[in-house]
Amino acid sequence: EVPEQRMAVLRYSGRWTEKNYREHEELLRKWIAERGLAADGPPVYARYNAPFVPWPMRRNEVLIPVTEATLNR
């Protein structure tokens, strides 16, 4: 069971690789900062498709818990 939390999420397609994941994580972190939010925990990845699904149709996500940024952070 996972407690309720506010998450920023970036969806992307293609094969899951460490490189793709890290590139999209960086894009999501920039998006978070641009909106005055702050990361509030480690990133999480989600992969939704079986290995036999063609790579252009695969769906992946990077999720990062967020909070409102404060002057103390």
PDB file of N, CA and C in Angstrom:
ATOM      1  N   GLU A   1       0.841  -1.177   0.000  1.00  0.00           N
ATOM      2  CA  GLU A   1       0.000   0.000   0.000  1.00  0.00           C
ATOM      3  C   GLU A   1       0.889   1.245   0.000  1.00  0.00           C
ATOM      4  N   VAL A   2       0.538   2.191  -0.846  1.00  0.00           N
ATOM      5  CA  VAL A   2       1.312   3.426  -0.997  1.00  0.00           C
ATOM      6  C   VAL A   2       0.473   4.581  -0.473  1.00  0.00           C
ATOM      7  N   PRO A   3       1.041   5.423   0.394  1.00  0.00           N
ATOM      8  CA  PRO A   3       0.263   6.559   0.903  1.00  0.00           C
ATOM      9  C   PRO A   3       0.022   7.597  -0.204  1.00  0.00           C
ATOM     10  N   GLU A   4      -1.013   8.379  -0.016  1.00  0.00           N
ATOM     11  CA  GLU A   4      -1.349   9.442  -0.959  1.00  0.00           C
ATOM     12  C   GLU A   4      -0.200  10.438  -1.055  1.00  0.00           C
ATOM     13  N   GLN A   5       0.092  10.888  -2.281  1.00  0.00           N
ATOM     14  CA  GLN A   5       1.131  11.892  -2.480  1.00  0.00           C
ATOM     15  C   GLN A   5       0.908  12.605  -3.806  1.00  0.00           C
ATOM     16  N   ARG A   6       1.455  13.791  -3.915  1.00  0.00           N
ATOM     17  CA  ARG A   6       1.365  14.581  -5.134  1.00  0.00           C
ATOM     18  C   ARG A   6       2.576  14.242  -5.995  1.00  0.00           C
ATOM     19  N   MET A   7       2.332  13.883  -7.264  1.00  0.00           N
ATOM     20  CA  MET A   7       3.414  13.450  -8.148  1.00  0.00           C
ATOM     21  C   MET A   7       3.408  14.274  -9.432  1.00  0.00           C
ATOM     22  N   ALA A   8       4.599  14.591  -9.912  1.00  0.00           N
ATOM     23  CA  ALA A   8       4.764  15.117 -11.266  1.00  0.00           C
ATOM     24  C   ALA A   8       5.122  13.911 -12.128  1.00  0.00           C
ATOM     25  N   VAL A   9       4.528  13.837 -13.328  1.00  0.00           N
ATOM     26  CA  VAL A   9       4.714  12.652 -14.170  1.00  0.00           C
ATOM     27  C   VAL A   9       5.012  13.079 -15.603  1.00  0.00           C
ATOM     28  N   LEU A  10       5.963  12.398 -16.203  1.00  0.00           N
ATOM     29  CA  LEU A  10       6.263  12.596 -17.619  1.00  0.00           C
ATOM     30  C   LEU A  10       6.119  11.256 -18.316  1.00  0.00           C
ATOM     31  N   ARG A  11       5.232  11.211 -19.283  1.00  0.00           N
ATOM     32  CA  ARG A  11       4.994   9.995 -20.063  1.00  0.00           C
ATOM     33  C   ARG A  11       5.851  10.049 -21.326  1.00  0.00           C
ATOM     34  N   TYR A  12       6.425   8.909 -21.706  1.00  0.00           N
ATOM     35  CA  TYR A  12       7.171   8.837 -22.957  1.00  0.00           C
ATOM     36  C   TYR A  12       7.034   7.446 -23.545  1.00  0.00           C
ATOM     37  N   SER A  13       7.263   7.352 -24.854  1.00  0.00           N
ATOM     38  CA  SER A  13       7.135   6.057 -25.523  1.00  0.00           C
ATOM     39  C   SER A  13       8.509   5.539 -25.916  1.00  0.00           C
ATOM     40  N   GLY A  14       8.546   4.300 -26.329  1.00  0.00           N
ATOM     41  CA  GLY A  14       9.793   3.686 -26.764  1.00  0.00           C
ATOM     42  C   GLY A  14      10.268   2.633 -25.790  1.00  0.00           C
ATOM     43  N   ARG A  15      11.447   2.108 -26.089  1.00  0.00           N
ATOM     44  CA  ARG A  15      12.041   1.087 -25.222  1.00  0.00           C
ATOM     45  C   ARG A  15      12.471   1.710 -23.916  1.00  0.00           C
ATOM     46  N   TRP A  16      12.386   0.925 -22.842  1.00  0.00           N
ATOM     47  CA  TRP A  16      12.911   1.399 -21.563  1.00  0.00           C
ATOM     48  C   TRP A  16      14.390   1.077 -21.527  1.00  0.00           C
ATOM     49  N   THR A  17      15.184   2.147 -21.409  1.00  0.00           N
ATOM     50  CA  THR A  17      16.618   1.990 -21.206  1.00  0.00           C
ATOM     51  C   THR A  17      17.012   2.977 -20.105  1.00  0.00           C
ATOM     52  N   GLU A  18      18.129   2.731 -19.478  1.00  0.00           N
ATOM     53  CA  GLU A  18      18.619   3.647 -18.441  1.00  0.00           C
ATOM     54  C   GLU A  18      18.815   5.052 -19.021  1.00  0.00           C
ATOM     55  N   LYS A  19      19.360   5.121 -20.227  1.00  0.00           N
ATOM     56  CA  LYS A  19      19.598   6.417 -20.873  1.00  0.00           C
ATOM     57  C   LYS A  19      18.293   7.171 -21.120  1.00  0.00           C
ATOM     58  N   ASN A  20      17.282   6.495 -21.708  1.00  0.00           N
ATOM     59  CA  ASN A  20      15.979   7.137 -21.930  1.00  0.00           C
ATOM     60  C   ASN A  20      15.360   7.602 -20.617  1.00  0.00           C
ATOM     61  N   TYR A  21      15.446   6.754 -19.622  1.00  0.00           N
ATOM     62  CA  TYR A  21      14.887   7.088 -18.313  1.00  0.00           C
ATOM     63  C   TYR A  21      15.556   8.343 -17.748  1.00  0.00           C
ATOM     64  N   ARG A  22      16.877   8.387 -17.751  1.00  0.00           N
ATOM     65  CA  ARG A  22      17.608   9.534 -17.185  1.00  0.00           C
ATOM     66  C   ARG A  22      17.330  10.817 -17.969  1.00  0.00           C
ATOM     67  N   GLU A  23      17.231  10.731 -19.293  1.00  0.00           N
ATOM     68  CA  GLU A  23      16.919  11.917 -20.100  1.00  0.00           C
ATOM     69  C   GLU A  23      15.547  12.477 -19.746  1.00  0.00           C
ATOM     70  N   HIS A  24      14.576  11.604 -19.602  1.00  0.00           N
ATOM     71  CA  HIS A  24      13.227  12.059 -19.282  1.00  0.00           C
ATOM     72  C   HIS A  24      13.111  12.509 -17.825  1.00  0.00           C
ATOM     73  N   GLU A  25      13.880  11.892 -16.949  1.00  0.00           N
ATOM     74  CA  GLU A  25      13.913  12.353 -15.555  1.00  0.00           C
ATOM     75  C   GLU A  25      14.428  13.793 -15.498  1.00  0.00           C
ATOM     76  N   GLU A  26      15.474  14.087 -16.251  1.00  0.00           N
ATOM     77  CA  GLU A  26      16.033  15.448 -16.274  1.00  0.00           C
ATOM     78  C   GLU A  26      15.007  16.447 -16.818  1.00  0.00           C
ATOM     79  N   LEU A  27      14.299  16.082 -17.890  1.00  0.00           N
ATOM     80  CA  LEU A  27      13.248  16.953 -18.426  1.00  0.00           C
ATOM     81  C   LEU A  27      12.164  17.218 -17.386  1.00  0.00           C
ATOM     82  N   LEU A  28      11.786  16.183 -16.653  1.00  0.00           N
ATOM     83  CA  LEU A  28      10.756  16.338 -15.628  1.00  0.00           C
ATOM     84  C   LEU A  28      11.247  17.227 -14.489  1.00  0.00           C
ATOM     85  N   ARG A  29      12.491  17.064 -14.086  1.00  0.00           N
ATOM     86  CA  ARG A  29      13.045  17.918 -13.022  1.00  0.00           C
ATOM     87  C   ARG A  29      13.059  19.392 -13.444  1.00  0.00           C
ATOM     88  N   LYS A  30      13.376  19.674 -14.700  1.00  0.00           N
ATOM     89  CA  LYS A  30      13.329  21.053 -15.201  1.00  0.00           C
ATOM     90  C   LYS A  30      11.899  21.582 -15.170  1.00  0.00           C
ATOM     91  N   TRP A  31      10.953  20.768 -15.597  1.00  0.00           N
ATOM     92  CA  TRP A  31       9.540  21.149 -15.587  1.00  0.00           C
ATOM     93  C   TRP A  31       9.093  21.475 -14.167  1.00  0.00           C
ATOM     94  N   ILE A  32       9.485  20.652 -13.209  1.00  0.00           N
ATOM     95  CA  ILE A  32       9.137  20.862 -11.800  1.00  0.00           C
ATOM     96  C   ILE A  32       9.672  22.210 -11.322  1.00  0.00           C
ATOM     97  N   ALA A  33      10.935  22.489 -11.588  1.00  0.00           N
ATOM     98  CA  ALA A  33      11.569  23.734 -11.140  1.00  0.00           C
ATOM     99  C   ALA A  33      10.912  24.952 -11.787  1.00  0.00           C
ATOM    100  N   GLU A  34      10.567  24.862 -13.067  1.00  0.00           N
ATOM    101  CA  GLU A  34       9.944  25.976 -13.776  1.00  0.00           C
ATOM    102  C   GLU A  34       8.585  26.352 -13.190  1.00  0.00           C
ATOM    103  N   ARG A  35       7.958  25.447 -12.510  1.00  0.00           N
ATOM    104  CA  ARG A  35       6.632  25.698 -11.945  1.00  0.00           C
ATOM    105  C   ARG A  35       6.652  25.999 -10.452  1.00  0.00           C
ATOM    106  N   GLY A  36       7.828  26.205  -9.916  1.00  0.00           N
ATOM    107  CA  GLY A  36       7.941  26.567  -8.508  1.00  0.00           C
ATOM    108  C   GLY A  36       7.671  25.425  -7.549  1.00  0.00           C
ATOM    109  N   LEU A  37       7.858  24.208  -8.023  1.00  0.00           N
ATOM    110  CA  LEU A  37       7.680  23.040  -7.169  1.00  0.00           C
ATOM    111  C   LEU A  37       9.046  22.527  -6.740  1.00  0.00           C
ATOM    112  N   ALA A  38       9.066  21.625  -5.778  1.00  0.00           N
ATOM    113  CA  ALA A  38      10.308  21.014  -5.312  1.00  0.00           C
ATOM    114  C   ALA A  38      10.128  19.507  -5.256  1.00  0.00           C
ATOM    115  N   ALA A  39      11.140  18.780  -5.719  1.00  0.00           N
ATOM    116  CA  ALA A  39      11.121  17.317  -5.608  1.00  0.00           C
ATOM    117  C   ALA A  39      11.114  16.954  -4.132  1.00  0.00           C
ATOM    118  N   ASP A  40      10.306  15.959  -3.787  1.00  0.00           N
ATOM    119  CA  ASP A  40      10.144  15.579  -2.384  1.00  0.00           C
ATOM    120  C   ASP A  40      10.323  14.074  -2.196  1.00  0.00           C
ATOM    121  N   GLY A  41      11.295  13.516  -2.903  1.00  0.00           N
ATOM    122  CA  GLY A  41      11.556  12.085  -2.796  1.00  0.00           C
ATOM    123  C   GLY A  41      12.239  11.595  -4.057  1.00  0.00           C
ATOM    124  N   PRO A  42      12.608  10.339  -4.063  1.00  0.00           N
ATOM    125  CA  PRO A  42      13.314   9.783  -5.217  1.00  0.00           C
ATOM    126  C   PRO A  42      12.379   9.571  -6.402  1.00  0.00           C
ATOM    127  N   PRO A  43      12.931   9.607  -7.623  1.00  0.00           N
ATOM    128  CA  PRO A  43      12.108   9.329  -8.794  1.00  0.00           C
ATOM    129  C   PRO A  43      11.729   7.852  -8.857  1.00  0.00           C
ATOM    130  N   VAL A  44      10.638   7.594  -9.532  1.00  0.00           N
ATOM    131  CA  VAL A  44      10.130   6.237  -9.716  1.00  0.00           C
ATOM    132  C   VAL A  44       9.865   6.059 -11.203  1.00  0.00           C
ATOM    133  N   TYR A  45      10.136   4.871 -11.724  1.00  0.00           N
ATOM    134  CA  TYR A  45       9.780   4.631 -13.120  1.00  0.00           C
ATOM    135  C   TYR A  45       8.618   3.654 -13.190  1.00  0.00           C
ATOM    136  N   ALA A  46       7.866   3.782 -14.287  1.00  0.00           N
ATOM    137  CA  ALA A  46       6.752   2.864 -14.534  1.00  0.00           C
ATOM    138  C   ALA A  46       6.848   2.399 -15.981  1.00  0.00           C
ATOM    139  N   ARG A  47       6.762   1.085 -16.163  1.00  0.00           N
ATOM    140  CA  ARG A  47       6.749   0.490 -17.504  1.00  0.00           C
ATOM    141  C   ARG A  47       5.465  -0.325 -17.594  1.00  0.00           C
ATOM    142  N   TYR A  48       4.702  -0.112 -18.667  1.00  0.00           N
ATOM    143  CA  TYR A  48       3.364  -0.674 -18.717  1.00  0.00           C
ATOM    144  C   TYR A  48       3.156  -1.805 -19.714  1.00  0.00           C
ATOM    145  N   ASN A  49       4.113  -2.084 -20.556  1.00  0.00           N
ATOM    146  CA  ASN A  49       3.856  -3.029 -21.641  1.00  0.00           C
ATOM    147  C   ASN A  49       4.732  -4.270 -21.557  1.00  0.00           C
ATOM    148  N   ALA A  50       4.215  -5.340 -22.143  1.00  0.00           N
ATOM    149  CA  ALA A  50       4.969  -6.590 -22.222  1.00  0.00           C
ATOM    150  C   ALA A  50       6.110  -6.441 -23.230  1.00  0.00           C
ATOM    151  N   PRO A  51       7.136  -7.265 -23.117  1.00  0.00           N
ATOM    152  CA  PRO A  51       8.287  -7.158 -24.021  1.00  0.00           C
ATOM    153  C   PRO A  51       7.959  -7.352 -25.501  1.00  0.00           C
ATOM    154  N   PHE A  52       6.883  -8.060 -25.813  1.00  0.00           N
ATOM    155  CA  PHE A  52       6.561  -8.310 -27.218  1.00  0.00           C
ATOM    156  C   PHE A  52       5.827  -7.155 -27.886  1.00  0.00           C
ATOM    157  N   VAL A  53       5.452  -6.115 -27.136  1.00  0.00           N
ATOM    158  CA  VAL A  53       4.798  -4.942 -27.725  1.00  0.00           C
ATOM    159  C   VAL A  53       5.854  -4.168 -28.525  1.00  0.00           C
ATOM    160  N   PRO A  54       5.553  -3.799 -29.784  1.00  0.00           N
ATOM    161  CA  PRO A  54       6.527  -3.041 -30.574  1.00  0.00           C
ATOM    162  C   PRO A  54       6.964  -1.770 -29.836  1.00  0.00           C
ATOM    163  N   TRP A  55       8.264  -1.458 -29.904  1.00  0.00           N
ATOM    164  CA  TRP A  55       8.810  -0.377 -29.090  1.00  0.00           C
ATOM    165  C   TRP A  55       8.138   0.974 -29.310  1.00  0.00           C
ATOM    166  N   PRO A  56       7.684   1.333 -30.540  1.00  0.00           N
ATOM    167  CA  PRO A  56       7.041   2.651 -30.665  1.00  0.00           C
ATOM    168  C   PRO A  56       5.704   2.745 -29.914  1.00  0.00           C
ATOM    169  N   MET A  57       5.135   1.588 -29.572  1.00  0.00           N
ATOM    170  CA  MET A  57       3.830   1.578 -28.901  1.00  0.00           C
ATOM    171  C   MET A  57       3.959   1.409 -27.383  1.00  0.00           C
ATOM    172  N   ARG A  58       5.157   1.251 -26.884  1.00  0.00           N
ATOM    173  CA  ARG A  58       5.349   1.056 -25.442  1.00  0.00           C
ATOM    174  C   ARG A  58       5.179   2.375 -24.705  1.00  0.00           C
ATOM    175  N   ARG A  59       4.644   2.281 -23.493  1.00  0.00           N
ATOM    176  CA  ARG A  59       4.416   3.464 -22.673  1.00  0.00           C
ATOM    177  C   ARG A  59       5.220   3.363 -21.389  1.00  0.00           C
ATOM    178  N   ASN A  60       5.953   4.415 -21.083  1.00  0.00           N
ATOM    179  CA  ASN A  60       6.759   4.505 -19.871  1.00  0.00           C
ATOM    180  C   ASN A  60       6.456   5.827 -19.185  1.00  0.00           C
ATOM    181  N   GLU A  61       6.747   5.910 -17.907  1.00  0.00           N
ATOM    182  CA  GLU A  61       6.582   7.158 -17.163  1.00  0.00           C
ATOM    183  C   GLU A  61       7.702   7.308 -16.149  1.00  0.00           C
ATOM    184  N   VAL A  62       8.059   8.567 -15.904  1.00  0.00           N
ATOM    185  CA  VAL A  62       8.920   8.936 -14.783  1.00  0.00           C
ATOM    186  C   VAL A  62       8.022   9.700 -13.820  1.00  0.00           C
ATOM    187  N   LEU A  63       8.054   9.338 -12.540  1.00  0.00           N
ATOM    188  CA  LEU A  63       7.231   9.992 -11.521  1.00  0.00           C
ATOM    189  C   LEU A  63       8.142  10.522 -10.418  1.00  0.00           C
ATOM    190  N   ILE A  64       7.904  11.766  -9.996  1.00  0.00           N
ATOM    191  CA  ILE A  64       8.678  12.353  -8.912  1.00  0.00           C
ATOM    192  C   ILE A  64       7.700  13.003  -7.938  1.00  0.00           C
ATOM    193  N   PRO A  65       7.764  12.639  -6.648  1.00  0.00           N
ATOM    194  CA  PRO A  65       6.901  13.301  -5.669  1.00  0.00           C
ATOM    195  C   PRO A  65       7.301  14.767  -5.548  1.00  0.00           C
ATOM    196  N   VAL A  66       6.323  15.659  -5.425  1.00  0.00           N
ATOM    197  CA  VAL A  66       6.595  17.093  -5.364  1.00  0.00           C
ATOM    198  C   VAL A  66       5.817  17.752  -4.224  1.00  0.00           C
ATOM    199  N   THR A  67       6.348  18.913  -3.805  1.00  0.00           N
ATOM    200  CA  THR A  67       5.664  19.803  -2.863  1.00  0.00           C
ATOM    201  C   THR A  67       5.847  21.216  -3.380  1.00  0.00           C
ATOM    202  N   GLU A  68       5.110  22.142  -2.793  1.00  0.00           N
ATOM    203  CA  GLU A  68       5.294  23.548  -3.133  1.00  0.00           C
ATOM    204  C   GLU A  68       6.670  23.965  -2.646  1.00  0.00           C
ATOM    205  N   ALA A  69       7.423  24.676  -3.471  1.00  0.00           N
ATOM    206  CA  ALA A  69       8.743  25.159  -3.070  1.00  0.00           C
ATOM    207  C   ALA A  69       8.568  26.260  -2.008  1.00  0.00           C
ATOM    208  N   THR A  70       9.481  26.309  -1.058  1.00  0.00           N
ATOM    209  CA  THR A  70       9.445  27.348  -0.029  1.00  0.00           C
ATOM    210  C   THR A  70      10.776  28.073  -0.020  1.00  0.00           C
ATOM    211  N   LEU A  71      10.842  29.183   0.646  1.00  0.00           N
ATOM    212  CA  LEU A  71      12.093  29.942   0.730  1.00  0.00           C
ATOM    213  C   LEU A  71      13.154  29.188   1.530  1.00  0.00           C
ATOM    214  N   ASN A  72      12.748  28.250   2.368  1.00  0.00           N
ATOM    215  CA  ASN A  72      13.697  27.512   3.193  1.00  0.00           C
ATOM    216  C   ASN A  72      14.364  26.364   2.463  1.00  0.00           C
ATOM    217  N   ARG A  73      13.890  26.015   1.287  1.00  0.00           N
ATOM    218  CA  ARG A  73      14.457  24.871   0.567  1.00  0.00           C
ATOM    219  C   ARG A  73      15.599  25.277  -0.286  1.00  0.00           C
TER     220      ARG A  73
END
